[in-house]
Amino acid sequence: MSDTSLQNFLVKIEFLETIKALDGRIENLAYHQKRYETVLASYGVADYKDLGDYLSPPQKGLYRCRVVYTLEKIVEVTYHPYTKRSIKHLKALTVNEFEYAKKYADREVLNALYAKREKCDDILIIQKGFVTDTSIANVAFFDGVEWFTPKKPLLAGTTRQRLLDSGFLKLADISINELSSFKAMAVMNAMIDFDIITKKIEEIIC
């Protein structure tokens, strides 16, 4: 592929930010702005937009603001009423050859993996024996004293980063074989924040 063809391909890739809005108030925008800028910077782009200039959510209710962008522009901003998905059981699924370090608008592979959850509520993706994420959220585990989140998630989420910055979360390599040693589990993303699953670990993993 020539340099010109590669550049044309790259500028067409669509990325995504999912931002929480409650009663017209945008939450944790600085973390979304930073991730957006980090994505562009990774391709050598320094022409950042201020995401706040593009957001005008409904003034009543809980909404998921979906911001689609490319390396060149903000493509689309849409607002979707949000109801939290109940997650009580996770299907452990080993997927070694899969990379999702950036939040892409195209979720075809993740949706295909999610379809393999069987009777569970979601999947827990395992790579080379270590826990990463669910299909929609980062994860954390409680050892009785502190909460730990995987060092190498599929996607470094904004809520995960915020809780790391605050010192609430610690980083660790978490093997699928040691999950039973933890006392509790939580899932987190921009919409659900930090949600503790009120079941024993052995009851959560299908």
Protein backbone atom coordinates (compact mmCIF):
# COMPACT_ATOMS: atom_id res chain seq x y z
CA MET A 1 0.00 0.00 0.00
CA SER A 2 1.42 3.38 -1.02
CA ASP A 3 1.79 6.22 1.51
CA THR A 4 -1.08 8.06 -0.18
CA SER A 5 -3.36 5.00 -0.09
CA LEU A 6 -2.50 4.39 3.57
CA GLN A 7 -3.26 8.00 4.45
CA ASN A 8 -6.60 7.83 2.62
CA PHE A 9 -7.42 4.65 4.52
CA LEU A 10 -6.50 6.11 7.90
CA VAL A 11 -8.57 9.27 7.55
CA LYS A 12 -11.67 7.14 6.90
CA ILE A 13 -11.38 5.11 10.11
CA GLU A 14 -14.13 6.07 12.53
CA PHE A 15 -13.48 6.25 16.25
CA LEU A 16 -15.96 6.62 19.07
CA GLU A 17 -16.41 8.37 22.39
CA THR A 18 -19.35 7.40 24.59
CA ILE A 19 -20.05 10.17 27.08
CA LYS A 20 -22.56 10.26 29.93
CA ALA A 21 -25.04 13.13 30.18
CA LEU A 22 -27.45 13.49 33.09
CA ASP A 23 -30.11 16.19 32.96
CA GLY A 24 -28.08 18.10 30.38
CA ARG A 25 -24.82 17.89 32.33
CA ILE A 26 -21.85 16.25 30.61
CA GLU A 27 -19.84 14.07 33.01
CA ASN A 28 -16.06 13.60 33.08
CA LEU A 29 -15.57 15.36 29.75
CA ALA A 30 -11.86 16.04 30.42
CA TYR A 31 -11.09 12.30 30.33
CA HIS A 32 -12.94 11.84 27.04
CA GLN A 33 -11.17 14.87 25.58
CA LYS A 34 -7.80 13.44 26.61
CA ARG A 35 -8.49 10.04 25.04
CA TYR A 36 -9.74 11.67 21.84
CA GLU A 37 -6.56 13.77 21.65
CA THR A 38 -4.40 10.71 22.41
CA VAL A 39 -5.96 8.81 19.50
CA LEU A 40 -5.30 11.67 17.08
CA ALA A 41 -1.78 12.21 18.40
CA SER A 42 -0.94 8.54 17.83
CA TYR A 43 -1.39 9.22 14.09
CA GLY A 44 0.53 12.49 14.19
CA VAL A 45 -2.58 14.70 14.13
CA ALA A 46 -2.54 17.79 16.33
CA ASP A 47 -5.67 19.57 15.11
CA TYR A 48 -7.89 18.83 18.10
CA LYS A 49 -11.50 19.91 18.41
CA ASP A 50 -13.07 20.79 21.74
CA LEU A 51 -15.63 18.00 22.19
CA GLY A 52 -17.69 20.21 24.49
CA ASP A 53 -18.42 22.51 21.55
CA TYR A 54 -20.26 19.66 19.83
CA LEU A 55 -22.34 18.45 22.75
CA SER A 56 -25.85 19.64 23.51
CA PRO A 57 -27.65 16.78 25.29
CA PRO A 58 -31.31 16.79 26.32
CA GLN A 59 -31.91 18.70 29.54
CA LYS A 60 -33.92 15.94 31.20
CA GLY A 61 -32.92 12.33 31.72
CA LEU A 62 -29.89 10.04 31.41
CA TYR A 63 -28.36 9.88 27.94
CA ARG A 64 -25.48 8.21 26.16
CA CYS A 65 -23.79 10.79 23.95
CA ARG A 66 -22.25 8.98 21.00
CA VAL A 67 -19.49 11.00 19.31
CA VAL A 68 -18.13 9.51 16.07
CA TYR A 69 -14.98 11.07 14.67
CA THR A 70 -12.18 10.51 12.17
CA LEU A 71 -8.66 11.90 12.09
CA GLU A 72 -10.06 14.89 10.20
CA LYS A 73 -13.39 15.80 11.79
CA ILE A 74 -16.27 15.11 14.14
CA VAL A 75 -18.58 13.01 11.97
CA GLU A 76 -21.70 12.64 14.09
CA VAL A 77 -23.07 13.28 17.58
CA THR A 78 -26.21 11.42 18.65
CA TYR A 79 -28.05 11.03 21.97
CA HIS A 80 -29.58 7.80 23.20
CA PRO A 81 -31.70 7.29 26.36
CA TYR A 82 -29.75 4.95 28.61
CA THR A 83 -30.85 2.03 30.76
CA LYS A 84 -28.15 0.07 32.54
CA ARG A 85 -27.69 -3.52 31.41
CA SER A 86 -27.79 -6.01 34.28
CA ILE A 87 -24.58 -8.04 34.47
CA LYS A 88 -24.60 -10.95 36.91
CA HIS A 89 -22.90 -13.73 34.94
CA LEU A 90 -19.94 -13.60 32.54
CA LYS A 91 -18.85 -16.20 30.00
CA ALA A 92 -15.05 -16.57 30.11
CA LEU A 93 -13.87 -16.50 26.50
CA THR A 94 -10.26 -16.90 25.36
CA VAL A 95 -9.46 -14.64 22.41
CA ASN A 96 -5.70 -14.30 22.01
CA GLU A 97 -5.46 -12.61 18.61
CA PHE A 98 -7.60 -9.53 19.07
CA GLU A 99 -6.59 -5.89 19.47
CA TYR A 100 -8.89 -3.03 20.49
CA ALA A 101 -6.51 -0.45 21.95
CA LYS A 102 -8.54 2.38 20.41
CA LYS A 103 -12.31 2.79 20.73
CA TYR A 104 -13.46 2.16 17.16
CA ALA A 105 -16.97 2.88 15.96
CA ASP A 106 -16.94 -0.51 14.21
CA ARG A 107 -17.73 -3.11 16.90
CA GLU A 108 -18.32 -6.03 14.54
CA VAL A 109 -15.73 -8.32 16.15
CA LEU A 110 -16.83 -7.44 19.69
CA ASN A 111 -20.46 -8.04 18.76
CA ALA A 112 -19.53 -11.44 17.31
CA LEU A 113 -17.73 -12.35 20.53
CA TYR A 114 -20.66 -11.10 22.62
CA ALA A 115 -22.93 -13.45 20.64
CA LYS A 116 -20.96 -16.37 22.14
CA ARG A 117 -22.04 -15.54 25.70
CA GLU A 118 -24.63 -18.38 25.67
CA LYS A 119 -26.90 -17.93 28.72
CA CYS A 120 -24.61 -15.41 30.40
CA ASP A 121 -25.14 -11.64 30.43
CA ASP A 122 -21.80 -10.79 28.81
CA ILE A 123 -18.35 -12.18 28.10
CA LEU A 124 -15.10 -11.87 30.02
CA ILE A 125 -12.29 -11.79 27.46
CA ILE A 126 -9.14 -13.71 28.36
CA GLN A 127 -5.87 -13.20 26.51
CA LYS A 128 -2.91 -15.52 27.07
CA GLY A 129 -4.37 -16.60 30.38
CA PHE A 130 -5.00 -13.11 31.71
CA VAL A 131 -8.25 -11.22 32.23
CA THR A 132 -8.86 -8.13 30.07
CA ASP A 133 -12.41 -6.69 29.71
CA THR A 134 -16.03 -7.54 29.09
CA SER A 135 -17.52 -6.57 25.72
CA ILE A 136 -18.58 -3.16 27.09
CA ALA A 137 -16.63 -2.52 30.28
CA ASN A 138 -13.34 -2.66 32.12
CA VAL A 139 -13.24 -4.89 35.18
CA ALA A 140 -11.82 -4.79 38.71
CA PHE A 141 -11.38 -7.32 41.49
CA PHE A 142 -11.31 -6.86 45.29
CA ASP A 143 -8.87 -8.85 47.43
CA GLY A 144 -10.43 -7.78 50.71
CA VAL A 145 -8.26 -4.67 51.03
CA GLU A 146 -7.83 -3.06 47.61
CA TRP A 147 -9.39 -3.06 44.14
CA PHE A 148 -7.23 -4.21 41.22
CA THR A 149 -7.78 -3.77 37.48
CA PRO A 150 -5.85 -5.57 34.69
CA LYS A 151 -2.60 -3.93 33.60
CA LYS A 152 -3.37 -4.76 29.98
CA PRO A 153 -7.05 -4.19 29.20
CA LEU A 154 -8.35 -4.36 25.67
CA LEU A 155 -9.30 -0.70 25.97
CA ALA A 156 -8.12 1.81 28.55
CA GLY A 157 -11.48 3.23 29.58
CA THR A 158 -12.03 6.75 30.90
CA THR A 159 -13.64 5.62 34.17
CA ARG A 160 -10.80 3.15 34.73
CA GLN A 161 -8.26 5.94 34.20
CA ARG A 162 -10.11 8.31 36.51
CA LEU A 163 -10.18 5.71 39.31
CA LEU A 164 -6.50 4.93 38.77
CA ASP A 165 -5.66 8.62 38.98
CA SER A 166 -7.59 8.89 42.25
CA GLY A 167 -5.70 5.95 43.73
CA PHE A 168 -8.86 3.89 44.20
CA LEU A 169 -7.69 1.28 41.66
CA LYS A 170 -4.34 -0.51 41.49
CA LEU A 171 -2.84 -2.26 38.46
CA ALA A 172 -2.15 -5.99 38.39
CA ASP A 173 -1.79 -8.92 36.00
CA ILE A 174 -4.85 -11.00 36.84
CA SER A 175 -4.79 -14.63 35.78
CA ILE A 176 -8.03 -16.45 35.03
CA ASN A 177 -6.78 -19.15 37.39
CA GLU A 178 -6.59 -16.82 40.39
CA LEU A 179 -10.01 -15.22 40.12
CA SER A 180 -11.40 -17.42 42.87
CA SER A 181 -9.00 -15.82 45.35
CA PHE A 182 -10.79 -12.45 45.06
CA LYS A 183 -13.70 -11.41 47.26
CA ALA A 184 -15.68 -9.31 44.75
CA MET A 185 -15.78 -8.08 41.17
CA ALA A 186 -16.90 -4.84 39.52
CA VAL A 187 -17.46 -3.59 35.98
CA MET A 188 -16.96 0.02 34.91
CA ASN A 189 -17.44 2.31 31.97
CA ALA A 190 -18.48 5.89 31.31
CA MET A 191 -22.18 5.11 31.67
CA ILE A 192 -22.32 2.74 34.64
CA ASP A 193 -19.36 4.25 36.52
CA PHE A 194 -18.18 1.58 39.04
CA ASP A 195 -20.73 -1.20 39.49
CA ILE A 196 -20.02 -4.00 41.96
CA ILE A 197 -21.53 -7.35 41.03
CA THR A 198 -23.15 -8.68 44.19
CA LYS A 199 -22.25 -12.33 43.75
CA LYS A 200 -19.35 -14.56 44.70
CA ILE A 201 -16.65 -14.78 42.00
CA GLU A 202 -17.29 -18.48 41.41
CA GLU A 203 -20.94 -17.68 40.74
CA ILE A 204 -20.17 -14.87 38.30
CA ILE A 205 -17.95 -16.75 35.86
CA CYS A 206 -19.88 -19.18 33.66
